[in-house]
Every structure is written in C-alpha cells, then in structure tokens.
C-alpha cells in the first residue's frame, strides 16, 4: 500500500480519535503519522517517501513566498501613479526533462502573478515565459531556474 495513503489514513484516524476535524488538527495528525511511519519504515523500500515529503514542503514554502512577493510587485505596479509595466518574453533553458516536471514548473510559473508560461519548445528544452515587469531577463531566468526549477528537479529526483 502507498505510504502517503497510509499517512493520510493515520491523519484521519487521529481526527476521529480526537473528535476534531479542523485543518490544524488533521495536519498535526499527518505529522504524527509521518513520525510513526518514519520510525517503523525508515530503512525500508519506502524510504523515498521520507525524502520527498520534506522536498515537497520546501517547494510549497518557496512557492508561497514567491506568490507573496509577486502579489506585492503587481500591487505596486497597479497602484503606482505612472505606468511601471515593461512586458517581455524570456526564453528559459530547461534542465528538467520529464513531462511531469515541465508541467509542474510551467504551472508554478503561471500561478505566480506577473508571469505566464506561454509555450514549450518542440524539443522540450526551452520554456517561454511572459513577464509583466521585465527589467533584467537574466535575473528573471535565474529566479525561475534557481528557484522553481531547482526545487522541482529535487522533488522528482
């Protein structure tokens, strides 16, 4: 059985035992179940689950931070007395290769306000991104590659 599914079942069991099904309590049950599963299965074949969950949480934390910063940038551009928009398109060379990795990366870029994934090259080596406020194309590429792409690649490693 999938270890993640067992962890979710343990979180639901925790909610049933405590009688509280709030998101915070279920998250606590999930973390408690994660710890129990790590103690029981830590050195078995399911060890990759215990490596990937922290990576997924790191990607989620990074995405929420970038989402907050992007919202602040877009708000500043909207509220500014003069037009600060400098739209442009950036070609980001990709190190990720699988369809799942590329799809996740493009989705994260699109969900971040001020950027939009436009297209992927036919050879799947370049992602074209439209930026609402583009001053330095290299800096924007660096943010995508060292931020999103690096974490997506770690998650699927």
Protein backbone atom coordinates (compact mmCIF):
# COMPACT_ATOMS: atom_id res chain seq x y z
CA UNK A 1 0.00 0.00 0.00
CA UNK A 2 1.18 3.53 -0.74
CA UNK A 3 2.91 5.09 2.28
CA UNK A 4 1.36 8.51 1.61
CA UNK A 5 -2.12 6.94 1.62
CA UNK A 6 -1.35 5.23 4.93
CA UNK A 7 -0.18 8.58 6.32
CA UNK A 8 -3.45 10.22 5.24
CA UNK A 9 -5.40 7.38 6.86
CA UNK A 10 -3.43 7.90 10.08
CA UNK A 11 -4.28 11.60 9.99
CA UNK A 12 -7.97 10.75 9.53
CA UNK A 13 -7.74 8.25 12.38
CA UNK A 14 -6.17 10.97 14.55
CA UNK A 15 -9.08 13.26 13.70
CA UNK A 16 -11.55 10.51 14.60
CA UNK A 17 -9.79 9.74 17.88
CA UNK A 18 -9.68 13.39 18.95
CA UNK A 19 -13.12 14.17 17.52
CA UNK A 20 -11.77 17.35 15.88
CA UNK A 21 -11.56 17.54 12.10
CA UNK A 22 -10.06 21.00 11.72
CA UNK A 23 -7.23 21.50 9.19
CA UNK A 24 -4.77 22.22 12.01
CA UNK A 25 -5.67 19.04 13.89
CA UNK A 26 -5.54 16.94 10.72
CA UNK A 27 -2.13 18.45 9.88
CA UNK A 28 -0.97 17.54 13.39
CA UNK A 29 -2.25 14.01 12.83
CA UNK A 30 -0.46 13.87 9.50
CA UNK A 31 2.82 14.94 11.11
CA UNK A 32 2.33 12.47 13.95
CA UNK A 33 1.60 9.70 11.44
CA UNK A 34 4.66 10.72 9.42
CA UNK A 35 6.81 10.33 12.54
CA UNK A 36 5.34 6.93 13.36
CA UNK A 37 5.80 5.70 9.79
CA UNK A 38 9.37 7.00 9.77
CA UNK A 39 10.12 5.05 12.93
CA UNK A 40 8.53 1.89 11.55
CA UNK A 41 9.57 2.05 7.88
CA UNK A 42 12.54 4.41 7.92
CA UNK A 43 15.11 1.99 6.43
CA UNK A 44 12.79 0.04 4.15
CA UNK A 45 11.96 0.44 0.46
CA UNK A 46 9.54 3.22 1.39
CA UNK A 47 12.43 5.49 2.45
CA UNK A 48 11.99 7.67 -0.66
CA UNK A 49 8.68 8.91 0.78
CA UNK A 50 10.53 10.27 3.79
CA UNK A 51 12.92 12.14 1.47
CA UNK A 52 10.28 13.50 -0.92
CA UNK A 53 7.81 14.89 1.61
CA UNK A 54 10.28 17.45 3.02
CA UNK A 55 11.23 18.39 -0.55
CA UNK A 56 7.57 18.90 -1.44
CA UNK A 57 7.06 21.03 1.65
CA UNK A 58 10.16 23.06 0.74
CA UNK A 59 8.75 23.64 -2.76
CA UNK A 60 5.38 24.66 -1.30
CA UNK A 61 7.05 27.05 1.17
CA UNK A 62 9.13 28.61 -1.61
CA UNK A 63 6.08 28.95 -3.87
CA UNK A 64 4.03 30.67 -1.15
CA UNK A 65 6.90 33.12 -0.53
CA UNK A 66 7.26 33.88 -4.26
CA UNK A 67 3.48 34.21 -4.51
CA UNK A 68 3.50 36.80 -1.74
CA UNK A 69 6.37 38.76 -3.33
CA UNK A 70 4.76 38.65 -6.77
CA UNK A 71 1.45 39.90 -5.39
CA UNK A 72 3.25 42.82 -3.76
CA UNK A 73 5.06 43.64 -7.02
CA UNK A 74 1.84 43.51 -9.04
CA UNK A 75 0.02 45.64 -6.44
CA UNK A 76 2.81 48.21 -6.57
CA UNK A 77 2.56 48.32 -10.38
CA UNK A 78 -1.20 48.78 -10.24
CA UNK A 79 -1.16 51.47 -7.57
CA UNK A 80 1.80 53.43 -8.97
CA UNK A 81 0.92 56.89 -10.32
CA UNK A 82 2.82 56.19 -13.53
CA UNK A 83 2.98 53.15 -15.73
CA UNK A 84 5.70 50.78 -14.49
CA UNK A 85 4.86 47.95 -16.86
CA UNK A 86 7.66 46.64 -19.04
CA UNK A 87 6.28 43.43 -20.52
CA UNK A 88 8.62 40.97 -22.15
CA UNK A 89 9.14 37.36 -23.03
CA UNK A 90 12.01 35.30 -21.63
CA UNK A 91 13.31 32.01 -23.04
CA UNK A 92 14.28 29.88 -20.05
CA UNK A 93 16.53 26.90 -20.88
CA UNK A 94 15.31 23.83 -19.04
CA UNK A 95 17.23 21.18 -17.13
CA UNK A 96 14.07 19.23 -16.25
CA UNK A 97 13.17 16.66 -18.87
CA UNK A 98 10.03 14.70 -17.98
CA UNK A 99 6.54 15.85 -18.87
CA UNK A 100 5.54 15.89 -15.20
CA UNK A 101 8.47 18.11 -14.21
CA UNK A 102 7.88 20.54 -17.08
CA UNK A 103 4.14 20.68 -16.38
CA UNK A 104 4.69 21.38 -12.68
CA UNK A 105 7.29 24.07 -13.44
CA UNK A 106 5.09 25.76 -16.03
CA UNK A 107 2.11 25.63 -13.67
CA UNK A 108 4.06 27.18 -10.80
CA UNK A 109 5.33 29.96 -13.06
CA UNK A 110 1.81 30.62 -14.38
CA UNK A 111 0.28 30.66 -10.89
CA UNK A 112 2.75 33.34 -9.80
CA UNK A 113 1.20 36.77 -10.53
CA UNK A 114 3.05 38.77 -13.16
CA UNK A 115 4.34 35.75 -15.08
CA UNK A 116 2.72 33.40 -17.56
CA UNK A 117 4.10 30.27 -19.21
CA UNK A 118 3.43 30.73 -22.90
CA UNK A 119 4.94 27.76 -24.67
CA UNK A 120 7.49 25.00 -24.55
CA UNK A 121 9.84 24.41 -27.47
CA UNK A 122 9.35 21.33 -29.62
CA UNK A 123 12.49 19.72 -28.19
CA UNK A 124 11.24 20.46 -24.62
CA UNK A 125 14.44 22.32 -23.73
CA UNK A 126 13.09 25.88 -23.52
CA UNK A 127 10.16 27.37 -21.64
CA UNK A 128 8.88 30.72 -22.89
CA UNK A 129 7.62 32.95 -20.09
CA UNK A 130 5.80 36.29 -20.40
CA UNK A 131 6.73 38.72 -17.62
CA UNK A 132 4.59 41.71 -16.75
CA UNK A 133 7.54 43.74 -15.47
CA UNK A 134 10.82 42.68 -17.09
CA UNK A 135 13.86 44.80 -16.39
CA UNK A 136 16.58 42.14 -16.47
CA UNK A 137 15.93 38.98 -18.49
CA UNK A 138 18.91 37.16 -16.98
CA UNK A 139 17.73 37.89 -13.44
CA UNK A 140 14.26 36.56 -14.29
CA UNK A 141 15.78 33.39 -15.78
CA UNK A 142 17.87 32.97 -12.65
CA UNK A 143 14.81 33.27 -10.39
CA UNK A 144 12.98 30.59 -12.37
CA UNK A 145 15.97 28.24 -12.70
CA UNK A 146 17.48 28.57 -9.22
CA UNK A 147 14.12 28.87 -7.50
CA UNK A 148 11.35 26.88 -9.08
CA UNK A 149 13.23 24.55 -11.43
CA UNK A 150 15.85 23.50 -8.88
CA UNK A 151 13.18 22.58 -6.34
CA UNK A 152 11.04 20.77 -8.92
CA UNK A 153 14.11 18.79 -10.02
CA UNK A 154 14.89 17.89 -6.38
CA UNK A 155 11.32 16.74 -5.85
CA UNK A 156 11.42 14.34 -8.81
CA UNK A 157 14.98 13.11 -8.16
